[in-house]
């Protein structure tokens, strides 16, 4: 809920409490029906405000979905935003920030990036990950790596904690130094 919505809800709640306390006080003087009418009016206004906000949010979501579809059509690939910062790791920036002496786990590789994105979603990979492109024997491969470990041994131990479905692809440790070298080579030519 946005700060504005919270503020609106707080103000509305304060108004309702005020009206209810006033209703008790004024009931003796015959003003209870006026206060009840004010309460009803305030309640209806608040419902209308919430409905306007809900419609606005739905419209924004429709526009975002439409933009994603346009990107898909123009690029020929499904929209997959490059996430960095809070979810470090979608992309090469995360890899380049790691200590070259550290290791990561190569979970999978595919000629189609979408297959790896699907794997990330299906397996609900929440640890930092990256998908990068490398060329092997003239063929382009997308590689999915995940995690950062201080040593080869620590990376090997991490394999034991992977779900069985990820273990099937026989993940293995890869040094960050070797990945960075591959990325530099790809950038050169």
Protein backbone atom coordinates (compact mmCIF):
# COMPACT_ATOMS: atom_id res chain seq x y z
CA UNK A 1 0.00 0.00 0.00
CA UNK A 2 1.41 3.39 -0.92
CA UNK A 3 2.13 6.12 1.64
CA UNK A 4 -0.73 8.14 0.19
CA UNK A 5 -3.15 5.21 0.62
CA UNK A 6 -1.96 4.68 4.20
CA UNK A 7 -2.42 8.37 4.94
CA UNK A 8 -5.91 8.32 3.39
CA UNK A 9 -6.83 5.24 5.43
CA UNK A 10 -5.48 6.83 8.62
CA UNK A 11 -7.41 10.05 8.00
CA UNK A 12 -10.55 8.10 7.19
CA UNK A 13 -10.20 5.98 10.33
CA UNK A 14 -9.63 9.09 12.45
CA UNK A 15 -12.74 10.68 10.93
CA UNK A 16 -14.81 7.60 11.62
CA UNK A 17 -13.63 7.42 15.23
CA UNK A 18 -14.39 11.12 15.69
CA UNK A 19 -17.85 10.72 14.22
CA UNK A 20 -18.58 7.67 16.39
CA UNK A 21 -17.48 9.45 19.55
CA UNK A 22 -19.52 12.49 18.52
CA UNK A 23 -22.50 10.27 17.86
CA UNK A 24 -22.45 8.99 21.42
CA UNK A 25 -22.22 12.51 22.80
CA UNK A 26 -24.85 13.97 20.49
CA UNK A 27 -27.34 11.12 20.73
CA UNK A 28 -28.90 12.81 23.69
CA UNK A 29 -29.57 15.98 21.72
CA UNK A 30 -31.08 14.30 18.67
CA UNK A 31 -28.11 14.91 16.38
CA UNK A 32 -27.27 11.20 15.98
CA UNK A 33 -28.98 10.93 12.61
CA UNK A 34 -26.93 13.86 11.24
CA UNK A 35 -23.71 12.24 12.36
CA UNK A 36 -24.76 8.90 10.92
CA UNK A 37 -25.43 10.63 7.58
CA UNK A 38 -21.99 12.27 7.72
CA UNK A 39 -20.44 8.88 8.44
CA UNK A 40 -22.25 7.31 5.47
CA UNK A 41 -21.12 10.12 3.19
CA UNK A 42 -17.51 9.83 4.38
CA UNK A 43 -17.60 6.05 3.97
CA UNK A 44 -18.93 6.31 0.39
CA UNK A 45 -16.32 8.95 -0.52
CA UNK A 46 -13.55 6.72 0.79
CA UNK A 47 -14.85 3.71 -1.14
CA UNK A 48 -14.92 5.79 -4.32
CA UNK A 49 -11.34 6.95 -3.73
CA UNK A 50 -10.14 3.37 -3.25
CA UNK A 51 -11.97 2.30 -6.40
CA UNK A 52 -10.29 5.10 -8.40
CA UNK A 53 -6.89 3.97 -7.13
CA UNK A 54 -7.67 0.33 -7.99
CA UNK A 55 -8.70 1.27 -11.55
CA UNK A 56 -5.56 3.39 -11.95
CA UNK A 57 -3.32 0.51 -10.87
CA UNK A 58 -5.11 -1.91 -13.21
CA UNK A 59 -4.68 0.55 -16.09
CA UNK A 60 -0.95 0.87 -15.32
CA UNK A 61 -0.59 -2.93 -15.30
CA UNK A 62 -2.38 -3.20 -18.66
CA UNK A 63 -0.05 -0.58 -20.14
CA UNK A 64 3.02 -2.42 -18.82
CA UNK A 65 1.76 -5.71 -20.28
CA UNK A 66 1.15 -4.00 -23.61
CA UNK A 67 4.70 -2.58 -23.61
CA UNK A 68 6.12 -6.04 -22.82
CA UNK A 69 4.21 -7.48 -25.79
CA UNK A 70 5.54 -4.75 -28.06
CA UNK A 71 9.09 -5.48 -26.89
CA UNK A 72 8.52 -9.20 -27.54
CA UNK A 73 7.31 -8.47 -31.07
CA UNK A 74 10.15 -6.10 -31.88
CA UNK A 75 12.92 -8.27 -30.44
CA UNK A 76 11.51 -11.68 -31.32
CA UNK A 77 12.24 -12.80 -27.74
CA UNK A 78 10.13 -12.76 -24.59
CA UNK A 79 10.60 -9.73 -22.39
CA UNK A 80 12.98 -10.47 -19.51
CA UNK A 81 14.13 -7.40 -17.62
CA UNK A 82 17.77 -7.31 -16.61
CA UNK A 83 17.60 -7.09 -12.86
CA UNK A 84 20.47 -5.68 -10.88
CA UNK A 85 20.86 -4.29 -7.40
CA UNK A 86 18.26 -5.87 -5.12
CA UNK A 87 18.39 -9.11 -7.07
CA UNK A 88 21.98 -8.98 -8.22
CA UNK A 89 22.75 -11.41 -10.84
CA UNK A 90 20.61 -11.20 -13.87
CA UNK A 91 23.38 -10.25 -16.18
CA UNK A 92 27.08 -9.80 -16.34
CA UNK A 93 27.35 -6.81 -14.00
CA UNK A 94 26.97 -9.10 -10.99
CA UNK A 95 29.72 -11.42 -12.24
CA UNK A 96 32.08 -8.52 -12.80
CA UNK A 97 31.62 -7.35 -9.20
CA UNK A 98 32.69 -10.74 -7.75
CA UNK A 99 36.16 -11.57 -6.50
CA UNK A 100 38.00 -13.30 -9.38
CA UNK A 101 39.35 -15.84 -6.86
CA UNK A 102 35.83 -17.00 -5.97
CA UNK A 103 33.72 -19.73 -7.56
CA UNK A 104 30.15 -20.13 -8.71
CA UNK A 105 28.06 -23.12 -9.77
CA UNK A 106 27.22 -23.69 -13.41
CA UNK A 107 23.68 -25.03 -13.18
CA UNK A 108 22.85 -25.37 -16.85
CA UNK A 109 23.57 -24.21 -20.38
CA UNK A 110 21.34 -23.89 -23.43
CA UNK A 111 21.36 -22.44 -26.92
CA UNK A 112 18.15 -20.61 -25.95
CA UNK A 113 18.21 -18.03 -23.17
CA UNK A 114 14.48 -18.53 -22.60
CA UNK A 115 15.10 -22.11 -21.50
CA UNK A 116 17.36 -20.84 -18.71
CA UNK A 117 14.92 -18.10 -17.71
CA UNK A 118 12.22 -20.75 -17.51
CA UNK A 119 14.50 -22.92 -15.36
CA UNK A 120 15.11 -20.00 -12.98
CA UNK A 121 11.35 -19.49 -12.67
CA UNK A 122 10.49 -23.20 -12.35
CA UNK A 123 13.15 -23.84 -9.73
CA UNK A 124 12.42 -20.55 -7.97
CA UNK A 125 16.11 -19.68 -7.86
CA UNK A 126 16.37 -16.88 -5.33
CA UNK A 127 20.12 -16.88 -4.80
CA UNK A 128 22.11 -14.45 -6.92
CA UNK A 129 22.49 -15.78 -10.47
CA UNK A 130 23.68 -14.73 -13.88
CA UNK A 131 23.04 -15.80 -17.43
CA UNK A 132 25.90 -15.04 -19.76
CA UNK A 133 26.72 -15.86 -23.35
CA UNK A 134 29.77 -17.82 -24.44
CA UNK A 135 30.86 -19.44 -27.69
CA UNK A 136 31.97 -23.08 -27.79
CA UNK A 137 33.22 -24.51 -31.11
CA UNK A 138 31.55 -21.65 -32.96
CA UNK A 139 28.18 -22.22 -31.29
CA UNK A 140 26.59 -19.67 -28.96
CA UNK A 141 25.56 -20.97 -25.53
CA UNK A 142 23.75 -19.25 -22.70
CA UNK A 143 25.13 -20.34 -19.35
CA UNK A 144 23.30 -20.16 -16.01
CA UNK A 145 25.48 -19.79 -12.93
CA UNK A 146 24.38 -19.22 -9.36
CA UNK A 147 25.93 -18.39 -6.02
CA UNK A 148 29.34 -17.14 -5.00
CA UNK A 149 31.69 -19.32 -2.98
CA UNK A 150 35.09 -18.57 -1.51
CA UNK A 151 36.62 -21.81 -2.78
CA UNK A 152 36.12 -24.72 -5.15
CA UNK A 153 35.50 -26.94 -2.12
CA UNK A 154 32.76 -24.62 -0.78
CA UNK A 155 31.07 -24.65 -4.20
CA UNK A 156 31.23 -28.47 -4.30
CA UNK A 157 29.63 -28.61 -0.85
CA UNK A 158 26.86 -26.27 -2.02
CA UNK A 159 25.86 -28.79 -4.69
CA UNK A 160 24.65 -31.09 -1.90
CA UNK A 161 22.10 -28.43 -0.89
CA UNK A 162 20.60 -28.07 -4.38
CA UNK A 163 17.18 -29.56 -5.08
CA UNK A 164 17.28 -32.96 -6.83
CA UNK A 165 15.88 -31.44 -10.02
CA UNK A 166 18.94 -29.15 -10.31
CA UNK A 167 21.35 -31.94 -9.38
CA UNK A 168 20.15 -33.89 -12.46
CA UNK A 169 22.03 -31.50 -14.74
CA UNK A 170 25.22 -32.29 -12.79
CA UNK A 171 26.23 -28.74 -11.81
CA UNK A 172 29.89 -28.04 -11.24
CA UNK A 173 32.06 -25.26 -9.82
CA UNK A 174 33.44 -22.67 -12.19
CA UNK A 175 35.98 -20.03 -11.24
CA UNK A 176 34.88 -16.44 -11.60
CA UNK A 177 38.30 -15.73 -13.14
CA UNK A 178 37.53 -18.12 -16.04
CA UNK A 179 34.09 -16.60 -16.60
CA UNK A 180 35.53 -13.07 -16.62
CA UNK A 181 38.12 -14.21 -19.17
CA UNK A 182 35.34 -15.63 -21.37
CA UNK A 183 33.40 -12.37 -21.11
CA UNK A 184 36.48 -10.33 -22.06
CA UNK A 185 37.16 -12.62 -25.01
CA UNK A 186 33.56 -12.31 -26.19
CA UNK A 187 33.77 -8.51 -25.90
CA UNK A 188 36.88 -8.44 -28.10
CA UNK A 189 35.44 -10.29 -30.95
